[in-house]
């Protein structure tokens, strides 16, 4: 389980990573050579009834995970 924050209303949002490899996330694409393999781009919907906006998360496997 991971906790994202809505970039519009700052409401916390609990989400599941896409798999066991992609454990880190960012609201912007990670810097090249800071991750292993590919990046999974996933949209999440804010649970705040007054917001409900779509939040994009870039899920990746950080290089530190493999050290």
N, C-alpha and C. Protein backbone atom coordinates (compact mmCIF):
# COMPACT_ATOMS: atom_id res chain seq x y z
N UNK A 1 0.86 -1.17 0.00
CA UNK A 1 0.00 0.00 0.00
C UNK A 1 0.90 1.24 0.00
N UNK A 2 0.51 2.25 -0.76
CA UNK A 2 1.24 3.52 -0.80
C UNK A 2 0.23 4.65 -0.63
N UNK A 3 0.70 5.77 -0.15
CA UNK A 3 -0.17 6.92 0.04
C UNK A 3 0.29 8.03 -0.89
N UNK A 4 -0.57 8.40 -1.82
CA UNK A 4 -0.34 9.52 -2.72
C UNK A 4 -1.08 10.73 -2.16
N UNK A 5 -0.73 11.88 -2.64
CA UNK A 5 -1.44 13.09 -2.26
C UNK A 5 -1.97 13.73 -3.53
N UNK A 6 -3.25 14.07 -3.55
CA UNK A 6 -3.84 14.72 -4.70
C UNK A 6 -3.11 16.05 -4.94
N UNK A 7 -2.67 16.27 -6.15
CA UNK A 7 -1.94 17.50 -6.48
C UNK A 7 -2.88 18.70 -6.59
N UNK A 8 -4.18 18.47 -6.54
CA UNK A 8 -5.15 19.55 -6.66
C UNK A 8 -5.72 19.98 -5.30
N UNK A 9 -6.11 18.98 -4.49
CA UNK A 9 -6.74 19.32 -3.20
C UNK A 9 -5.94 18.83 -2.00
N UNK A 10 -4.84 18.10 -2.24
CA UNK A 10 -3.93 17.59 -1.20
C UNK A 10 -4.54 16.52 -0.31
N UNK A 11 -5.61 15.92 -0.75
CA UNK A 11 -6.25 14.81 -0.03
C UNK A 11 -5.37 13.56 -0.14
N UNK A 12 -5.10 12.84 0.96
CA UNK A 12 -4.33 11.60 0.85
C UNK A 12 -5.15 10.52 0.15
N UNK A 13 -4.46 9.68 -0.60
CA UNK A 13 -5.11 8.64 -1.38
C UNK A 13 -4.30 7.36 -1.26
N UNK A 14 -4.87 6.31 -0.71
CA UNK A 14 -4.19 5.02 -0.58
C UNK A 14 -4.37 4.24 -1.87
N UNK A 15 -3.25 3.79 -2.44
CA UNK A 15 -3.28 3.04 -3.70
C UNK A 15 -2.34 1.84 -3.61
N UNK A 16 -2.57 0.88 -4.47
CA UNK A 16 -1.70 -0.30 -4.57
C UNK A 16 -0.72 -0.08 -5.71
N UNK A 17 0.56 -0.41 -5.52
CA UNK A 17 1.51 -0.36 -6.63
C UNK A 17 1.07 -1.34 -7.72
N UNK A 18 1.49 -1.12 -8.96
CA UNK A 18 1.05 -2.00 -10.05
C UNK A 18 1.58 -3.43 -9.92
N UNK A 19 2.75 -3.61 -9.27
CA UNK A 19 3.31 -4.94 -9.05
C UNK A 19 4.38 -4.85 -7.96
N UNK A 20 5.07 -5.96 -7.70
CA UNK A 20 6.06 -5.98 -6.62
C UNK A 20 7.38 -5.32 -7.00
N UNK A 21 7.63 -5.11 -8.28
CA UNK A 21 8.87 -4.48 -8.72
C UNK A 21 8.78 -2.96 -8.68
N UNK A 22 7.67 -2.41 -9.12
CA UNK A 22 7.47 -0.96 -9.20
C UNK A 22 6.93 -0.45 -7.86
N UNK A 23 7.85 -0.17 -6.94
CA UNK A 23 7.44 0.17 -5.57
C UNK A 23 7.52 1.66 -5.25
N UNK A 24 8.23 2.41 -6.09
CA UNK A 24 8.36 3.86 -5.86
C UNK A 24 7.49 4.59 -6.87
N UNK A 25 7.08 5.81 -6.50
CA UNK A 25 6.23 6.57 -7.40
C UNK A 25 6.63 8.05 -7.38
N UNK A 26 6.22 8.74 -8.42
CA UNK A 26 6.49 10.16 -8.54
C UNK A 26 5.36 10.78 -9.36
N UNK A 27 5.11 12.07 -9.14
CA UNK A 27 4.09 12.75 -9.95
C UNK A 27 4.69 13.24 -11.27
N UNK A 28 6.03 13.15 -11.37
CA UNK A 28 6.72 13.49 -12.62
C UNK A 28 7.57 12.30 -13.02
N UNK A 29 7.87 12.20 -14.31
CA UNK A 29 8.68 11.09 -14.79
C UNK A 29 10.05 11.13 -14.11
N UNK A 30 10.51 10.01 -13.55
CA UNK A 30 11.80 9.97 -12.85
C UNK A 30 12.97 10.29 -13.79
N UNK A 31 14.06 10.74 -13.20
CA UNK A 31 15.26 11.08 -13.96
C UNK A 31 15.86 9.81 -14.57
N UNK A 32 16.28 9.90 -15.79
CA UNK A 32 16.89 8.78 -16.49
C UNK A 32 18.07 8.24 -15.67
N UNK A 33 18.24 6.95 -15.66
CA UNK A 33 19.30 6.24 -14.93
C UNK A 33 19.11 6.27 -13.41
N UNK A 34 17.93 6.63 -12.93
CA UNK A 34 17.65 6.57 -11.49
C UNK A 34 16.72 5.40 -11.17
N UNK A 35 16.37 4.63 -12.18
CA UNK A 35 15.45 3.51 -11.99
C UNK A 35 15.88 2.33 -12.85
N UNK A 36 15.37 1.17 -12.50
CA UNK A 36 15.67 -0.07 -13.22
C UNK A 36 14.46 -0.43 -14.09
N UNK A 37 14.71 -0.84 -15.33
CA UNK A 37 13.64 -1.32 -16.20
C UNK A 37 12.77 -0.21 -16.74
N UNK A 38 11.48 -0.47 -16.74
CA UNK A 38 10.52 0.46 -17.33
C UNK A 38 9.78 1.26 -16.27
N UNK A 39 8.99 2.20 -16.74
CA UNK A 39 8.13 3.02 -15.87
C UNK A 39 6.69 2.67 -16.19
N UNK A 40 5.88 2.52 -15.17
CA UNK A 40 4.45 2.24 -15.36
C UNK A 40 3.69 3.53 -15.03
N UNK A 41 3.01 4.06 -16.02
CA UNK A 41 2.21 5.27 -15.84
C UNK A 41 0.78 4.84 -15.51
N UNK A 42 0.29 5.29 -14.37
CA UNK A 42 -1.04 4.85 -13.92
C UNK A 42 -1.84 6.05 -13.43
N UNK A 43 -3.10 6.10 -13.80
CA UNK A 43 -3.98 7.17 -13.36
C UNK A 43 -4.79 6.70 -12.16
N UNK A 44 -4.89 7.57 -11.18
CA UNK A 44 -5.69 7.31 -9.99
C UNK A 44 -6.69 8.45 -9.86
N UNK A 45 -7.86 8.16 -9.30
CA UNK A 45 -8.90 9.17 -9.15
C UNK A 45 -8.95 9.62 -7.69
N UNK A 46 -8.93 10.92 -7.48
CA UNK A 46 -9.02 11.48 -6.13
C UNK A 46 -10.35 11.04 -5.50
N UNK A 47 -10.28 10.63 -4.23
CA UNK A 47 -11.46 10.15 -3.53
C UNK A 47 -12.25 11.27 -2.85
N UNK A 48 -11.71 12.48 -2.86
CA UNK A 48 -12.40 13.62 -2.28
C UNK A 48 -13.63 13.93 -3.14
N UNK A 49 -14.84 13.89 -2.59
CA UNK A 49 -16.05 14.13 -3.38
C UNK A 49 -16.10 15.52 -4.01
N UNK A 50 -15.38 16.47 -3.44
CA UNK A 50 -15.37 17.82 -4.01
C UNK A 50 -14.31 17.99 -5.09
N UNK A 51 -13.46 17.00 -5.28
CA UNK A 51 -12.38 17.10 -6.26
C UNK A 51 -12.58 16.10 -7.40
N UNK A 52 -12.40 14.80 -7.11
CA UNK A 52 -12.57 13.70 -8.08
C UNK A 52 -11.69 13.81 -9.32
N UNK A 53 -10.59 14.58 -9.25
CA UNK A 53 -9.72 14.75 -10.41
C UNK A 53 -8.81 13.54 -10.58
N UNK A 54 -8.30 13.39 -11.78
CA UNK A 54 -7.40 12.30 -12.11
C UNK A 54 -5.96 12.68 -11.75
N UNK A 55 -5.27 11.76 -11.09
CA UNK A 55 -3.89 11.98 -10.67
C UNK A 55 -3.03 10.93 -11.38
N UNK A 56 -1.97 11.37 -12.05
CA UNK A 56 -1.08 10.45 -12.73
C UNK A 56 0.13 10.17 -11.85
N UNK A 57 0.42 8.89 -11.68
CA UNK A 57 1.59 8.47 -10.92
C UNK A 57 2.50 7.67 -11.84
N UNK A 58 3.79 7.94 -11.75
CA UNK A 58 4.79 7.19 -12.50
C UNK A 58 5.44 6.22 -11.52
N UNK A 59 5.16 4.94 -11.69
CA UNK A 59 5.68 3.90 -10.80
C UNK A 59 6.95 3.33 -11.41
N UNK A 60 7.97 3.13 -10.56
CA UNK A 60 9.25 2.64 -11.05
C UNK A 60 9.96 1.83 -9.98
N UNK A 61 11.02 1.14 -10.40
CA UNK A 61 11.86 0.37 -9.48
C UNK A 61 13.14 1.17 -9.27
N UNK A 62 13.32 1.76 -8.10
CA UNK A 62 14.52 2.57 -7.85
C UNK A 62 15.78 1.70 -7.85
N UNK A 63 16.87 2.26 -8.34
CA UNK A 63 18.13 1.52 -8.39
C UNK A 63 18.59 1.09 -7.01
N UNK A 64 18.32 1.88 -5.96
CA UNK A 64 18.73 1.51 -4.61
C UNK A 64 18.12 0.18 -4.17
N UNK A 65 16.98 -0.17 -4.73
CA UNK A 65 16.30 -1.41 -4.39
C UNK A 65 17.17 -2.62 -4.74
N UNK A 66 18.00 -2.48 -5.78
CA UNK A 66 18.81 -3.61 -6.24
C UNK A 66 20.23 -3.60 -5.67
N UNK A 67 20.56 -2.63 -4.83
CA UNK A 67 21.90 -2.57 -4.23
C UNK A 67 22.00 -3.45 -3.01
